[in-house]
Amino acid sequence: MSVRRLAPKEVQPESFAFTAENLAWAEKTIAKYPPGRQASAVIPLLMRAQEQAGGWVSEPAMRYVGDMLGMAPIRVYEVATFYTQFQLQPVGKRAHIQVCGTTPCMLRGAGDLMKVCKSRIHEEPFHLSANGDFSWEEVECAGTCVNAPMVQVWKDVYEDLTPADLEKILDAFERGEHPASGPQNGRLTSAPVTGLRVLTSPELFDGSMVGQGAGLALAREALAAKAKGETAPAAPPPAAAAAAPPPPPKNDPAPAAAPAAKAVEAAGDADKEKPKKPVAPPPGGKPTDSTAE
């Protein structure tokens, strides 16, 4: 975990305030929480402040949110510096590229995507490009491992990337366009990249086998018969209901006691053979049979 600090004072704006639209949204969001729990809205309000400010959270924005929620500024700073979804430095005006660097993406070429960022944006992460339009960073898993490698820009993810794909995405943002998100290799969501190979028969999905009582074997026979132009085999009659098992007895016998272990039995026999200890007579009383012995 890298050290996360607020941007230096010379970068911080003098003040921050929500727009009228965002202020109405913030008040509605705060009202979702019970009285005394308004501080629970700190994360969504910081996210909205970050979006309004162009992708990063300034120190005045943190204090502004804290005042709305009745929180000490340090409590808001703790949240903003802990969660890496909050950017503490100014980011690119057009796009901030978050490159996933976890194992699946690295195995699939995330290192080459980082090379593109280094050549197009800046050699080091968290730095603005020369024109201020772009910035980038390496992040942990963004949850699209099956479509690795990927990058996230604001709220959109771009998957199944090659370096050339990322170059085109950066070009589109540079032109002021919003490139289509999702897989960039033509596949649908996370479907097999080679296309479907199993469960491709339309009969499995058009409802023609619903209610036929056909099991897997019969379904295969029906498909094979149709492929040959033959009549599909009839479904077997439903099996007779199995006889219900007899009800358990109302009063189950108590379980038999477990036999004593041989070592326990031997210890008991040894205790029987030991001489009895003398017992002192009660004060002022006559000796009993045990004391007389």
Protein backbone atom coordinates (compact mmCIF):
# COMPACT_ATOMS: atom_id res chain seq x y z
CA MET A 1 0.00 0.00 0.00
CA SER A 2 1.52 3.31 -1.10
CA VAL A 3 1.40 6.39 1.07
CA ARG A 4 -1.60 8.52 0.09
CA ARG A 5 -1.36 12.20 0.84
CA LEU A 6 -3.48 15.19 -0.06
CA ALA A 7 -2.37 17.35 -2.94
CA PRO A 8 -0.02 20.23 -2.00
CA LYS A 9 -1.56 23.57 -1.05
CA GLU A 10 -0.56 25.27 -4.28
CA VAL A 11 -2.74 22.76 -6.16
CA GLN A 12 -5.75 22.94 -3.86
CA PRO A 13 -8.66 25.22 -4.84
CA GLU A 14 -9.74 27.94 -2.45
CA SER A 15 -13.20 26.49 -1.91
CA PHE A 16 -15.72 23.88 -3.00
CA ALA A 17 -19.51 23.72 -3.12
CA PHE A 18 -21.97 21.36 -4.74
CA THR A 19 -23.96 22.60 -7.70
CA ALA A 20 -27.68 23.01 -7.09
CA GLU A 21 -28.37 19.67 -8.75
CA ASN A 22 -25.71 17.83 -6.76
CA LEU A 23 -26.78 19.53 -3.55
CA ALA A 24 -30.33 18.27 -4.01
CA TRP A 25 -28.97 14.80 -4.72
CA ALA A 26 -26.76 14.94 -1.60
CA GLU A 27 -29.66 15.97 0.65
CA LYS A 28 -31.77 13.14 -0.75
CA THR A 29 -28.92 10.70 -0.17
CA ILE A 30 -28.37 11.81 3.42
CA ALA A 31 -32.09 11.37 4.12
CA LYS A 32 -31.76 7.63 3.35
CA TYR A 33 -29.92 7.11 6.63
CA PRO A 34 -31.59 7.13 10.08
CA PRO A 35 -31.08 10.09 12.42
CA GLY A 36 -27.60 10.12 13.89
CA ARG A 37 -26.20 7.98 11.05
CA GLN A 38 -25.70 10.70 8.46
CA ALA A 39 -21.94 10.09 8.46
CA SER A 40 -22.66 6.84 6.61
CA ALA A 41 -23.22 8.97 3.49
CA VAL A 42 -19.61 10.16 3.41
CA ILE A 43 -18.49 7.81 0.63
CA PRO A 44 -21.28 8.57 -1.87
CA LEU A 45 -20.96 12.30 -1.21
CA LEU A 46 -17.19 12.19 -1.72
CA MET A 47 -17.71 10.28 -4.97
CA ARG A 48 -20.15 12.92 -6.22
CA ALA A 49 -17.71 15.66 -5.20
CA GLN A 50 -14.96 13.87 -7.11
CA GLU A 51 -17.11 13.62 -10.23
CA GLN A 52 -18.05 17.30 -10.05
CA ALA A 53 -14.42 18.39 -9.63
CA GLY A 54 -13.22 16.53 -12.70
CA GLY A 55 -12.03 13.29 -11.17
CA TRP A 56 -10.30 14.16 -7.91
CA VAL A 57 -11.20 15.15 -4.33
CA SER A 58 -9.70 18.36 -2.99
CA GLU A 59 -9.21 19.21 0.68
CA PRO A 60 -11.90 21.94 0.57
CA ALA A 61 -14.30 19.34 -0.87
CA MET A 62 -13.56 17.02 2.04
CA ARG A 63 -14.23 19.78 4.57
CA TYR A 64 -17.42 20.73 2.71
CA VAL A 65 -18.70 17.15 2.90
CA GLY A 66 -17.70 16.93 6.55
CA ASP A 67 -19.71 20.07 7.35
CA MET A 68 -22.77 18.63 5.63
CA LEU A 69 -22.53 15.42 7.67
CA GLY A 70 -21.42 16.91 11.00
CA MET A 71 -18.05 15.13 10.79
CA ALA A 72 -14.69 16.42 11.92
CA PRO A 73 -12.42 17.07 8.91
CA ILE A 74 -9.93 14.41 10.06
CA ARG A 75 -12.67 11.75 9.85
CA VAL A 76 -13.33 12.63 6.23
CA TYR A 77 -9.60 12.70 5.48
CA GLU A 78 -9.32 9.17 6.90
CA VAL A 79 -11.96 7.87 4.50
CA ALA A 80 -10.61 9.68 1.45
CA THR A 81 -7.01 8.58 2.02
CA PHE A 82 -7.95 4.98 2.81
CA TYR A 83 -10.05 4.14 -0.25
CA THR A 84 -8.07 4.19 -3.48
CA GLN A 85 -11.20 4.99 -5.50
CA PHE A 86 -10.66 8.57 -4.40
CA GLN A 87 -8.05 10.48 -6.37
CA LEU A 88 -6.14 12.91 -4.17
CA GLN A 89 -4.27 14.64 -7.00
CA PRO A 90 -5.59 16.31 -10.15
CA VAL A 91 -6.12 13.80 -12.96
CA GLY A 92 -6.36 14.12 -16.72
CA LYS A 93 -9.14 16.35 -17.99
CA ARG A 94 -10.20 13.89 -20.66
CA ALA A 95 -9.34 10.52 -19.09
CA HIS A 96 -7.66 8.92 -16.14
CA ILE A 97 -6.52 5.42 -17.14
CA GLN A 98 -6.52 2.74 -14.44
CA VAL A 99 -4.61 -0.31 -15.63
CA CYS A 100 -5.28 -3.55 -13.76
CA GLY A 101 -2.00 -5.09 -12.70
CA THR A 102 -3.20 -8.21 -10.91
CA THR A 103 -2.03 -11.68 -11.96
CA PRO A 104 -4.59 -12.58 -14.70
CA CYS A 105 -4.16 -9.23 -16.43
CA MET A 106 -0.37 -9.32 -16.14
CA LEU A 107 -0.31 -12.80 -17.68
CA ARG A 108 -2.45 -11.53 -20.55
CA GLY A 109 -0.41 -8.44 -21.36
CA ALA A 110 -1.12 -5.67 -18.84
CA GLY A 111 2.58 -4.82 -18.86
CA ASP A 112 2.30 -3.83 -22.53
CA LEU A 113 -0.67 -1.60 -21.72
CA MET A 114 1.42 0.16 -19.08
CA LYS A 115 4.11 0.75 -21.69
CA VAL A 116 1.51 2.55 -23.81
CA CYS A 117 0.58 4.73 -20.84
CA LYS A 118 4.21 5.51 -20.16
CA SER A 119 4.85 6.53 -23.77
CA ARG A 120 1.58 8.40 -24.36
CA ILE A 121 0.96 9.97 -20.94
CA HIS A 122 3.91 10.00 -18.52
CA GLU A 123 6.72 7.70 -17.50
CA GLU A 124 5.42 7.66 -13.93
CA PRO A 125 1.86 7.08 -12.70
CA PHE A 126 -0.17 9.86 -11.04
CA HIS A 127 1.39 12.46 -13.33
CA LEU A 128 -0.45 14.52 -15.93
CA SER A 129 0.42 14.37 -19.59
CA ALA A 130 2.10 17.39 -21.13
CA ASN A 131 -1.25 18.87 -22.23
CA GLY A 132 -3.03 17.87 -19.00
CA ASP A 133 -5.54 15.69 -20.81
CA PHE A 134 -4.46 12.30 -19.46
CA SER A 135 -3.11 10.55 -16.37
CA TRP A 136 -2.75 6.90 -15.41
CA GLU A 137 -2.11 4.50 -12.56
CA GLU A 138 -1.82 0.78 -11.86
CA VAL A 139 -4.66 -0.66 -9.76
CA GLU A 140 -5.56 -3.95 -8.17
CA CYS A 141 -8.18 -6.35 -9.53
CA ALA A 142 -11.11 -4.57 -11.18
CA GLY A 143 -13.21 -7.74 -11.46
CA THR A 144 -13.01 -8.62 -15.16
CA CYS A 145 -10.36 -11.32 -14.97
CA VAL A 146 -11.95 -13.50 -17.66
CA ASN A 147 -11.61 -10.59 -20.11
CA ALA A 148 -8.04 -9.70 -19.19
CA PRO A 149 -6.23 -7.45 -19.77
CA MET A 150 -8.37 -4.42 -19.06
CA VAL A 151 -8.38 -0.77 -18.09
CA GLN A 152 -10.97 1.40 -16.38
CA VAL A 153 -11.70 4.99 -17.37
CA TRP A 154 -14.05 6.76 -14.98
CA LYS A 155 -17.00 4.36 -14.68
CA ASP A 156 -16.36 2.36 -17.86
CA VAL A 157 -14.17 -0.70 -18.38
CA TYR A 158 -12.40 -1.67 -21.59
CA GLU A 159 -11.55 -5.36 -21.84
CA ASP A 160 -9.68 -7.87 -24.02
CA LEU A 161 -7.19 -5.16 -24.89
CA THR A 162 -4.09 -5.12 -27.01
CA PRO A 163 -1.67 -2.19 -27.03
CA ALA A 164 -3.16 -1.11 -30.37
CA ASP A 165 -6.65 -1.16 -28.84
CA LEU A 166 -5.54 1.09 -26.00
CA GLU A 167 -3.91 3.48 -28.47
CA LYS A 168 -7.24 3.78 -30.31
CA ILE A 169 -9.12 4.38 -27.04
CA LEU A 170 -6.72 7.18 -26.09
CA ASP A 171 -7.07 8.68 -29.56
CA ALA A 172 -10.86 8.69 -29.18
CA PHE A 173 -10.71 10.43 -25.81
CA GLU A 174 -8.23 12.93 -27.22
CA ARG A 175 -10.75 13.80 -29.96
CA GLY A 176 -13.38 14.35 -27.28
CA GLU A 177 -15.26 11.14 -28.13
CA HIS A 178 -16.53 8.46 -25.78
CA PRO A 179 -15.31 5.09 -27.11
CA ALA A 180 -17.54 2.05 -26.73
CA SER A 181 -16.75 0.19 -23.52
CA GLY A 182 -16.67 -3.55 -22.89
CA PRO A 183 -14.70 -6.23 -24.77
CA GLN A 184 -12.69 -4.86 -27.66
CA ASN A 185 -12.31 -8.14 -29.54
CA GLY A 186 -15.95 -8.56 -30.57
CA ARG A 187 -17.07 -11.08 -28.01
CA LEU A 188 -20.30 -10.66 -26.06
CA THR A 189 -19.66 -9.86 -22.38
CA SER A 190 -17.58 -12.80 -21.09
CA ALA A 191 -18.78 -15.44 -23.59
CA PRO A 192 -16.11 -17.84 -24.96
CA VAL A 193 -13.82 -15.96 -27.29
CA THR A 194 -13.96 -18.90 -29.73
CA GLY A 195 -17.76 -18.85 -29.81
CA LEU A 196 -20.22 -21.36 -28.38
CA ARG A 197 -19.31 -25.02 -28.84
CA VAL A 198 -21.91 -26.75 -26.67
CA LEU A 199 -25.63 -26.30 -26.03
CA THR A 200 -26.08 -24.82 -29.50
CA SER A 201 -29.20 -26.76 -30.59
CA PRO A 202 -32.22 -24.44 -30.74
CA GLU A 203 -34.47 -27.21 -29.39
CA LEU A 204 -32.80 -26.72 -26.03
CA PHE A 205 -34.10 -23.19 -25.84
CA ASP A 206 -37.29 -22.95 -27.93
CA GLY A 207 -39.45 -24.83 -25.41
CA SER A 208 -40.19 -27.80 -27.67
CA MET A 209 -38.93 -30.26 -25.04
CA VAL A 210 -40.62 -28.67 -22.07
CA GLY A 211 -43.12 -31.06 -20.46
CA GLN A 212 -41.97 -34.05 -22.52
CA GLY A 213 -40.40 -35.80 -19.54
CA ALA A 214 -37.24 -36.28 -21.56
CA GLY A 215 -34.05 -36.86 -19.66
CA LEU A 216 -30.61 -36.17 -20.99
CA ALA A 217 -30.32 -39.47 -22.84
CA LEU A 218 -33.74 -39.09 -24.47
CA ALA A 219 -32.96 -35.50 -25.45
CA ARG A 220 -29.80 -36.65 -27.18
CA GLU A 221 -31.73 -39.36 -29.02
CA ALA A 222 -34.35 -36.84 -30.11
CA LEU A 223 -31.72 -34.49 -31.48
CA ALA A 224 -29.92 -37.30 -33.27
CA ALA A 225 -33.19 -38.57 -34.78
CA LYS A 226 -34.10 -35.10 -36.00
CA ALA A 227 -30.71 -34.70 -37.61
CA LYS A 228 -31.30 -37.94 -39.53
CA GLY A 229 -34.88 -37.05 -40.44
CA GLU A 230 -36.31 -39.80 -38.25
CA THR A 231 -39.11 -39.70 -35.71
CA ALA A 232 -38.01 -38.88 -32.23
CA PRO A 233 -38.43 -41.69 -29.68
CA ALA A 234 -41.41 -41.39 -27.39
CA ALA A 235 -40.84 -40.40 -23.83
CA PRO A 236 -41.22 -43.29 -21.37
CA PRO A 237 -44.26 -43.25 -19.08
CA PRO A 238 -43.65 -41.68 -15.71
CA ALA A 239 -42.32 -44.10 -13.18
CA ALA A 240 -44.69 -45.28 -10.47
CA ALA A 241 -44.35 -43.49 -7.24
CA ALA A 242 -42.05 -45.36 -4.92
CA ALA A 243 -43.59 -46.79 -1.80
CA ALA A 244 -43.27 -44.47 1.12
CA PRO A 245 -40.81 -45.68 3.74
CA PRO A 246 -42.34 -46.93 6.98
CA PRO A 247 -42.68 -44.26 9.63
CA PRO A 248 -40.12 -44.37 12.41
CA PRO A 249 -41.25 -45.88 15.72
CA LYS A 250 -42.75 -43.41 18.14
CA ASN A 251 -40.60 -44.56 21.04
CA ASP A 252 -37.10 -45.42 19.99
CA PRO A 253 -35.28 -47.69 22.46
CA ALA A 254 -32.56 -46.02 24.43
CA PRO A 255 -29.14 -46.65 22.96
CA ALA A 256 -27.14 -49.36 24.65
CA ALA A 257 -24.46 -48.16 27.01
CA ALA A 258 -21.00 -48.36 25.57
CA PRO A 259 -18.86 -51.11 27.13
CA ALA A 260 -16.22 -49.88 29.54
CA ALA A 261 -12.72 -49.85 28.25
CA LYS A 262 -10.37 -52.51 29.57
CA ALA A 263 -8.11 -49.91 31.16
CA VAL A 264 -11.06 -48.47 33.05
CA GLU A 265 -12.11 -51.93 34.24
CA ALA A 266 -8.56 -52.69 35.42
CA ALA A 267 -8.42 -49.40 37.34
CA GLY A 268 -11.72 -50.25 39.04
CA ASP A 269 -10.48 -53.71 40.08
CA ALA A 270 -7.30 -52.20 41.53
CA ASP A 271 -9.33 -49.78 43.65
CA LYS A 272 -11.34 -52.70 45.08
CA GLU A 273 -8.16 -54.49 46.23
CA LYS A 274 -6.75 -51.50 48.15
CA PRO A 275 -7.17 -51.66 52.01
CA LYS A 276 -9.66 -49.32 53.49
CA LYS A 277 -8.30 -46.23 55.20
CA PRO A 278 -9.01 -45.93 58.96
CA VAL A 279 -11.70 -43.48 59.85
CA ALA A 280 -11.38 -41.46 63.08
CA PRO A 281 -14.31 -41.83 65.51
CA PRO A 282 -16.59 -38.88 65.91
CA PRO A 283 -15.77 -36.61 68.90
CA GLY A 284 -17.25 -38.07 72.12
CA GLY A 285 -18.90 -40.88 70.23
CA LYS A 286 -18.52 -44.61 70.21
CA PRO A 287 -16.36 -46.19 67.60
CA THR A 288 -18.24 -47.48 64.62
CA ASP A 289 -17.72 -50.80 62.96
CA SER A 290 -15.33 -49.24 60.48
CA THR A 291 -13.21 -47.58 63.21
CA ALA A 292 -13.21 -50.68 65.37
CA GLU A 293 -11.58 -52.60 62.60
